[in-house]
């Protein structure tokens, strides 16, 4: 746990707060997250929105105005945490996002694009700066951030789809407390991007 300087905090056109952190020296890998620690209050997992390797600047996105107001000139962060995405043998990647949750996909898609992977995105009620896929089935990997109830409406192939798991509480973020366990997997260790069929049961639409 280290204190970091907040060099920018602003609300963007989507009413999401963008938080820029200085001197974050450990480059996150695609798919990882950090834990924002509010002493004596809570730990909040936040996906990596972007990372400027030249300046060691980390960008986080916060949807909650209440949480954004808790962030002052310095913050305590733990991380990077979680399981990085594996782009081995991925030729085509598709991101699917809904509304304000688009920011969960910004950094993974950027890393994929810079790795010369064909990158496409479908954004529902939002915008991602990639072409829409002509056929989602052509993708080798699909990344999704959307409300749980919408996943089945998207008709996505579960075996090659990873979903950003937002439906469990993560407490220790170290795989110790077990609070984030889903079907035998710990979200803080095995996620936050987890296989669609590890999160939900086909035909039921519920988190197990």
C-alpha atoms as a PDB file:
ATOM      1  CA  UNK A   1       0.000   0.000   0.000  1.00  0.00           C
ATOM      2  CA  UNK A   2       1.447   3.322  -1.083  1.00  0.00           C
ATOM      3  CA  UNK A   3       0.218   6.911  -1.076  1.00  0.00           C
ATOM      4  CA  UNK A   4      -0.040   8.403  -4.556  1.00  0.00           C
ATOM      5  CA  UNK A   5      -0.625  11.962  -5.690  1.00  0.00           C
ATOM      6  CA  UNK A   6      -3.865  12.753  -7.511  1.00  0.00           C
ATOM      7  CA  UNK A   7      -2.906  15.168 -10.273  1.00  0.00           C
ATOM      8  CA  UNK A   8      -6.314  15.401 -11.941  1.00  0.00           C
ATOM      9  CA  UNK A   9      -9.929  14.705 -11.048  1.00  0.00           C
ATOM     10  CA  UNK A  10     -12.648  15.694 -13.465  1.00  0.00           C
ATOM     11  CA  UNK A  11     -16.133  14.675 -14.513  1.00  0.00           C
ATOM     12  CA  UNK A  12     -16.340  13.780 -18.206  1.00  0.00           C
ATOM     13  CA  UNK A  13     -19.262  14.120 -20.620  1.00  0.00           C
ATOM     14  CA  UNK A  14     -20.616  10.739 -19.468  1.00  0.00           C
ATOM     15  CA  UNK A  15     -20.748  11.971 -15.846  1.00  0.00           C
ATOM     16  CA  UNK A  16     -17.964   9.553 -14.949  1.00  0.00           C
ATOM     17  CA  UNK A  17     -15.058  10.873 -12.895  1.00  0.00           C
ATOM     18  CA  UNK A  18     -11.602  10.476 -14.408  1.00  0.00           C
ATOM     19  CA  UNK A  19      -8.858  10.263 -11.787  1.00  0.00           C
ATOM     20  CA  UNK A  20      -5.222  10.619 -12.847  1.00  0.00           C
ATOM     21  CA  UNK A  21      -2.560   9.271 -10.494  1.00  0.00           C
ATOM     22  CA  UNK A  22       1.122  10.289 -10.631  1.00  0.00           C
ATOM     23  CA  UNK A  23       4.223   8.112 -10.172  1.00  0.00           C
ATOM     24  CA  UNK A  24       2.498   4.741 -10.403  1.00  0.00           C
ATOM     25  CA  UNK A  25       5.679   2.920 -11.296  1.00  0.00           C
ATOM     26  CA  UNK A  26       4.402  -0.649 -11.833  1.00  0.00           C
ATOM     27  CA  UNK A  27       2.844  -0.947 -15.271  1.00  0.00           C
ATOM     28  CA  UNK A  28      -0.493  -2.796 -15.061  1.00  0.00           C
ATOM     29  CA  UNK A  29      -1.146  -5.603 -17.498  1.00  0.00           C
ATOM     30  CA  UNK A  30      -4.321  -5.722 -19.549  1.00  0.00           C
ATOM     31  CA  UNK A  31      -7.212  -6.905 -17.412  1.00  0.00           C
ATOM     32  CA  UNK A  32      -5.727  -6.064 -14.029  1.00  0.00           C
ATOM     33  CA  UNK A  33      -7.205  -3.703 -11.449  1.00  0.00           C
ATOM     34  CA  UNK A  34      -6.165  -1.714  -8.389  1.00  0.00           C
ATOM     35  CA  UNK A  35      -7.707  -1.409  -4.945  1.00  0.00           C
ATOM     36  CA  UNK A  36      -8.493   2.067  -3.636  1.00  0.00           C
ATOM     37  CA  UNK A  37      -8.176   2.051   0.146  1.00  0.00           C
ATOM     38  CA  UNK A  38     -10.220   4.425   2.259  1.00  0.00           C
ATOM     39  CA  UNK A  39      -8.703   3.970   5.744  1.00  0.00           C
ATOM     40  CA  UNK A  40     -11.173   2.689   8.367  1.00  0.00           C
ATOM     41  CA  UNK A  41     -13.903   2.642   5.711  1.00  0.00           C
ATOM     42  CA  UNK A  42     -13.492   0.324   2.753  1.00  0.00           C
ATOM     43  CA  UNK A  43     -11.431  -1.057  -0.102  1.00  0.00           C
ATOM     44  CA  UNK A  44     -12.866  -0.439  -3.557  1.00  0.00           C
ATOM     45  CA  UNK A  45     -11.618  -2.350  -6.620  1.00  0.00           C
ATOM     46  CA  UNK A  46     -11.252  -0.151  -9.690  1.00  0.00           C
ATOM     47  CA  UNK A  47     -10.388  -1.277 -13.194  1.00  0.00           C
ATOM     48  CA  UNK A  48      -7.409   0.315 -14.906  1.00  0.00           C
ATOM     49  CA  UNK A  49      -8.710   2.855 -17.390  1.00  0.00           C
ATOM     50  CA  UNK A  50      -5.354   3.705 -18.926  1.00  0.00           C
ATOM     51  CA  UNK A  51      -1.655   3.856 -18.208  1.00  0.00           C
ATOM     52  CA  UNK A  52       0.903   6.302 -19.581  1.00  0.00           C
ATOM     53  CA  UNK A  53       4.157   4.372 -19.497  1.00  0.00           C
ATOM     54  CA  UNK A  54       6.278   7.406 -20.408  1.00  0.00           C
ATOM     55  CA  UNK A  55       5.093   9.381 -17.371  1.00  0.00           C
ATOM     56  CA  UNK A  56       4.071   6.543 -15.031  1.00  0.00           C
ATOM     57  CA  UNK A  57       0.550   7.964 -14.848  1.00  0.00           C
ATOM     58  CA  UNK A  58      -2.428   5.769 -14.021  1.00  0.00           C
ATOM     59  CA  UNK A  59      -5.975   6.691 -15.039  1.00  0.00           C
ATOM     60  CA  UNK A  60      -8.953   5.404 -13.095  1.00  0.00           C
ATOM     61  CA  UNK A  61     -12.674   5.865 -13.706  1.00  0.00           C
ATOM     62  CA  UNK A  62     -15.184   6.327 -10.881  1.00  0.00           C
ATOM     63  CA  UNK A  63     -18.936   6.269 -11.506  1.00  0.00           C
ATOM     64  CA  UNK A  64     -19.990   7.185  -7.966  1.00  0.00           C
ATOM     65  CA  UNK A  65     -20.002  10.886  -7.101  1.00  0.00           C
ATOM     66  CA  UNK A  66     -19.881   9.956  -3.412  1.00  0.00           C
ATOM     67  CA  UNK A  67     -16.713   7.919  -3.932  1.00  0.00           C
ATOM     68  CA  UNK A  68     -15.169  10.607  -6.132  1.00  0.00           C
ATOM     69  CA  UNK A  69     -15.708  13.126  -3.342  1.00  0.00           C
ATOM     70  CA  UNK A  70     -13.780  10.836  -0.983  1.00  0.00           C
ATOM     71  CA  UNK A  71     -10.728  11.128  -3.207  1.00  0.00           C
ATOM     72  CA  UNK A  72      -8.540  14.038  -2.196  1.00  0.00           C
ATOM     73  CA  UNK A  73      -5.052  15.125  -3.197  1.00  0.00           C
ATOM     74  CA  UNK A  74      -3.544  11.776  -2.169  1.00  0.00           C
ATOM     75  CA  UNK A  75      -4.848   8.220  -2.261  1.00  0.00           C
ATOM     76  CA  UNK A  76      -3.723   4.825  -1.049  1.00  0.00           C
ATOM     77  CA  UNK A  77      -3.658   2.195  -3.789  1.00  0.00           C
ATOM     78  CA  UNK A  78      -2.843  -1.495  -3.737  1.00  0.00           C
ATOM     79  CA  UNK A  79      -1.900  -3.242  -6.932  1.00  0.00           C
ATOM     80  CA  UNK A  80      -1.843  -3.979  -9.773  1.00  0.00           C
ATOM     81  CA  UNK A  81      -4.006  -6.959  -8.800  1.00  0.00           C
ATOM     82  CA  UNK A  82      -5.875  -9.758 -10.501  1.00  0.00           C
ATOM     83  CA  UNK A  83      -5.196 -12.087 -13.394  1.00  0.00           C
ATOM     84  CA  UNK A  84      -3.873 -10.468 -16.592  1.00  0.00           C
ATOM     85  CA  UNK A  85      -5.612 -11.252 -19.844  1.00  0.00           C
ATOM     86  CA  UNK A  86      -3.871 -13.761 -22.090  1.00  0.00           C
ATOM     87  CA  UNK A  87      -3.701 -12.565 -25.692  1.00  0.00           C
ATOM     88  CA  UNK A  88      -1.678 -15.566 -26.896  1.00  0.00           C
ATOM     89  CA  UNK A  89      -2.996 -16.731 -30.294  1.00  0.00           C
ATOM     90  CA  UNK A  90      -5.657 -14.009 -30.281  1.00  0.00           C
ATOM     91  CA  UNK A  91      -5.970 -12.595 -33.788  1.00  0.00           C
ATOM     92  CA  UNK A  92      -9.338 -10.844 -33.420  1.00  0.00           C
ATOM     93  CA  UNK A  93     -10.751  -9.324 -30.233  1.00  0.00           C
ATOM     94  CA  UNK A  94     -14.175  -7.778 -29.714  1.00  0.00           C
ATOM     95  CA  UNK A  95     -15.205  -5.573 -26.806  1.00  0.00           C
ATOM     96  CA  UNK A  96     -18.863  -5.247 -25.840  1.00  0.00           C
ATOM     97  CA  UNK A  97     -19.833  -2.573 -23.329  1.00  0.00           C
ATOM     98  CA  UNK A  98     -23.004  -1.019 -21.980  1.00  0.00           C
ATOM     99  CA  UNK A  99     -23.370   2.595 -20.925  1.00  0.00           C
ATOM    100  CA  UNK A 100     -20.897   3.934 -18.373  1.00  0.00           C
ATOM    101  CA  UNK A 101     -19.258   0.522 -18.047  1.00  0.00           C
ATOM    102  CA  UNK A 102     -17.302   1.128 -21.242  1.00  0.00           C
ATOM    103  CA  UNK A 103     -14.282   2.244 -19.207  1.00  0.00           C
ATOM    104  CA  UNK A 104     -13.678  -1.351 -18.047  1.00  0.00           C
ATOM    105  CA  UNK A 105     -12.605  -2.159 -21.610  1.00  0.00           C
ATOM    106  CA  UNK A 106     -10.549   0.908 -22.529  1.00  0.00           C
ATOM    107  CA  UNK A 107      -7.149  -0.317 -21.368  1.00  0.00           C
ATOM    108  CA  UNK A 108      -7.460  -3.990 -22.431  1.00  0.00           C
ATOM    109  CA  UNK A 109      -8.571  -2.982 -25.927  1.00  0.00           C
ATOM    110  CA  UNK A 110      -5.792  -0.405 -26.181  1.00  0.00           C
ATOM    111  CA  UNK A 111      -3.186  -3.027 -25.234  1.00  0.00           C
ATOM    112  CA  UNK A 112      -4.665  -5.488 -27.729  1.00  0.00           C
ATOM    113  CA  UNK A 113      -4.658  -2.889 -30.520  1.00  0.00           C
ATOM    114  CA  UNK A 114      -1.035  -1.946 -29.820  1.00  0.00           C
ATOM    115  CA  UNK A 115      -0.184  -5.655 -29.921  1.00  0.00           C
ATOM    116  CA  UNK A 116      -1.363  -5.720 -33.568  1.00  0.00           C
ATOM    117  CA  UNK A 117      -4.542  -7.643 -32.733  1.00  0.00           C
ATOM    118  CA  UNK A 118      -7.549  -6.771 -34.898  1.00  0.00           C
ATOM    119  CA  UNK A 119      -9.708  -4.854 -32.439  1.00  0.00           C
ATOM    120  CA  UNK A 120     -13.445  -4.226 -32.707  1.00  0.00           C
ATOM    121  CA  UNK A 121     -16.052  -2.935 -30.281  1.00  0.00           C
ATOM    122  CA  UNK A 122     -19.801  -2.792 -29.864  1.00  0.00           C
ATOM    123  CA  UNK A 123     -20.891  -0.138 -27.389  1.00  0.00           C
ATOM    124  CA  UNK A 124     -24.541   0.028 -26.301  1.00  0.00           C
ATOM    125  CA  UNK A 125     -25.511   3.563 -25.248  1.00  0.00           C
ATOM    126  CA  UNK A 126     -21.837   4.553 -25.232  1.00  0.00           C
ATOM    127  CA  UNK A 127     -18.882   4.986 -27.555  1.00  0.00           C
ATOM    128  CA  UNK A 128     -15.639   3.071 -28.039  1.00  0.00           C
ATOM    129  CA  UNK A 129     -13.318   4.242 -30.801  1.00  0.00           C
ATOM    130  CA  UNK A 130     -13.159   0.995 -32.760  1.00  0.00           C
ATOM    131  CA  UNK A 131     -15.140  -0.342 -35.682  1.00  0.00           C
ATOM    132  CA  UNK A 132     -18.120  -2.541 -34.910  1.00  0.00           C
ATOM    133  CA  UNK A 133     -17.576  -6.232 -35.686  1.00  0.00           C
ATOM    134  CA  UNK A 134     -19.383  -7.651 -38.687  1.00  0.00           C
ATOM    135  CA  UNK A 135     -19.645 -11.036 -37.020  1.00  0.00           C
ATOM    136  CA  UNK A 136     -18.932 -11.524 -33.314  1.00  0.00           C
ATOM    137  CA  UNK A 137     -18.435 -15.247 -33.918  1.00  0.00           C
ATOM    138  CA  UNK A 138     -15.221 -14.431 -35.816  1.00  0.00           C
ATOM    139  CA  UNK A 139     -13.552 -13.192 -32.625  1.00  0.00           C
ATOM    140  CA  UNK A 140     -10.982 -15.310 -30.825  1.00  0.00           C
ATOM    141  CA  UNK A 141     -11.704 -13.416 -27.603  1.00  0.00           C
ATOM    142  CA  UNK A 142     -14.693 -11.345 -26.493  1.00  0.00           C
ATOM    143  CA  UNK A 143     -14.496  -8.943 -23.553  1.00  0.00           C
ATOM    144  CA  UNK A 144     -17.751  -7.765 -22.006  1.00  0.00           C
ATOM    145  CA  UNK A 145     -18.720  -5.217 -19.388  1.00  0.00           C
ATOM    146  CA  UNK A 146     -22.485  -5.035 -19.063  1.00  0.00           C
ATOM    147  CA  UNK A 147     -25.222  -5.523 -16.469  1.00  0.00           C
ATOM    148  CA  UNK A 148     -25.778  -9.184 -15.702  1.00  0.00           C
ATOM    149  CA  UNK A 149     -29.347  -9.219 -16.982  1.00  0.00           C
ATOM    150  CA  UNK A 150     -28.211  -8.104 -20.440  1.00  0.00           C
ATOM    151  CA  UNK A 151     -25.637 -10.843 -21.012  1.00  0.00           C
ATOM    152  CA  UNK A 152     -28.120 -13.333 -22.406  1.00  0.00           C
ATOM    153  CA  UNK A 153     -29.676 -10.770 -24.700  1.00  0.00           C
ATOM    154  CA  UNK A 154     -26.252 -10.301 -26.308  1.00  0.00           C
ATOM    155  CA  UNK A 155     -26.196 -13.971 -27.385  1.00  0.00           C
ATOM    156  CA  UNK A 156     -22.461 -14.292 -26.920  1.00  0.00           C
ATOM    157  CA  UNK A 157     -20.508 -17.561 -27.131  1.00  0.00           C
ATOM    158  CA  UNK A 158     -19.652 -18.414 -23.518  1.00  0.00           C
ATOM    159  CA  UNK A 159     -16.519 -20.439 -24.179  1.00  0.00           C
ATOM    160  CA  UNK A 160     -14.527 -17.510 -25.566  1.00  0.00           C
ATOM    161  CA  UNK A 161     -16.157 -14.656 -23.652  1.00  0.00           C
ATOM    162  CA  UNK A 162     -14.656 -13.005 -20.582  1.00  0.00           C
ATOM    163  CA  UNK A 163     -16.919 -10.772 -18.511  1.00  0.00           C
ATOM    164  CA  UNK A 164     -15.798  -8.093 -16.075  1.00  0.00           C
ATOM    165  CA  UNK A 165     -17.232  -9.388 -12.801  1.00  0.00           C
ATOM    166  CA  UNK A 166     -18.947  -6.522 -11.002  1.00  0.00           C
ATOM    167  CA  UNK A 167     -21.450  -8.573  -9.006  1.00  0.00           C
ATOM    168  CA  UNK A 168     -19.438  -9.737  -6.039  1.00  0.00           C
ATOM    169  CA  UNK A 169     -17.922  -7.826  -3.156  1.00  0.00           C
ATOM    170  CA  UNK A 170     -14.139  -7.929  -3.039  1.00  0.00           C
ATOM    171  CA  UNK A 171     -12.758  -7.310   0.424  1.00  0.00           C
ATOM    172  CA  UNK A 172      -9.107  -8.290   0.942  1.00  0.00           C
ATOM    173  CA  UNK A 173      -8.219  -8.407  -2.789  1.00  0.00           C
ATOM    174  CA  UNK A 174      -5.554 -10.993  -1.949  1.00  0.00           C
ATOM    175  CA  UNK A 175      -7.488 -14.268  -2.137  1.00  0.00           C
ATOM    176  CA  UNK A 176      -7.564 -14.669   1.648  1.00  0.00           C
ATOM    177  CA  UNK A 177     -11.071 -13.821   2.869  1.00  0.00           C
ATOM    178  CA  UNK A 178     -12.967 -15.796   0.197  1.00  0.00           C
ATOM    179  CA  UNK A 179     -15.750 -13.231   0.037  1.00  0.00           C
ATOM    180  CA  UNK A 180     -15.488 -12.901  -3.759  1.00  0.00           C
ATOM    181  CA  UNK A 181     -15.750 -16.657  -4.456  1.00  0.00           C
ATOM    182  CA  UNK A 182     -17.886 -17.625  -7.448  1.00  0.00           C
ATOM    183  CA  UNK A 183     -18.319 -21.283  -8.416  1.00  0.00           C
ATOM    184  CA  UNK A 184     -14.988 -22.219  -6.817  1.00  0.00           C
ATOM    185  CA  UNK A 185     -13.021 -19.278  -8.226  1.00  0.00           C
ATOM    186  CA  UNK A 186     -11.887 -16.116  -6.452  1.00  0.00           C
ATOM    187  CA  UNK A 187     -12.652 -12.978  -8.424  1.00  0.00           C
ATOM    188  CA  UNK A 188      -9.732 -11.039  -6.929  1.00  0.00           C
ATOM    189  CA  UNK A 189      -7.279 -13.733  -8.073  1.00  0.00           C
ATOM    190  CA  UNK A 190      -8.950 -15.360 -11.102  1.00  0.00           C
ATOM    191  CA  UNK A 191     -10.563 -12.131 -12.346  1.00  0.00           C
ATOM    192  CA  UNK A 192     -11.782  -9.512 -12.610  1.00  0.00           C
ATOM    193  CA  UNK A 193     -12.327 -10.736 -16.192  1.00  0.00           C
ATOM    194  CA  UNK A 194     -13.838 -14.214 -15.841  1.00  0.00           C
ATOM    195  CA  UNK A 195     -15.294 -16.730 -18.253  1.00  0.00           C
ATOM    196  CA  UNK A 196     -18.960 -16.145 -18.920  1.00  0.00           C
ATOM    197  CA  UNK A 197     -19.816 -19.728 -18.046  1.00  0.00           C
ATOM    198  CA  UNK A 198     -17.843 -19.477 -14.784  1.00  0.00           C
ATOM    199  CA  UNK A 199     -20.098 -16.616 -13.706  1.00  0.00           C
ATOM    200  CA  UNK A 200     -23.561 -17.655 -14.807  1.00  0.00           C
ATOM    201  CA  UNK A 201     -25.505 -20.782 -15.656  1.00  0.00           C
ATOM    202  CA  UNK A 202     -26.840 -20.859 -19.187  1.00  0.00           C
ATOM    203  CA  UNK A 203     -30.599 -20.493 -19.316  1.00  0.00           C
ATOM    204  CA  UNK A 204     -30.929 -19.177 -15.767  1.00  0.00           C
ATOM    205  CA  UNK A 205     -29.416 -15.737 -15.998  1.00  0.00           C
ATOM    206  CA  UNK A 206     -28.259 -15.686 -12.391  1.00  0.00           C
ATOM    207  CA  UNK A 207     -24.911 -15.391 -10.698  1.00  0.00           C
ATOM    208  CA  UNK A 208     -23.901 -18.591  -8.928  1.00  0.00           C
END
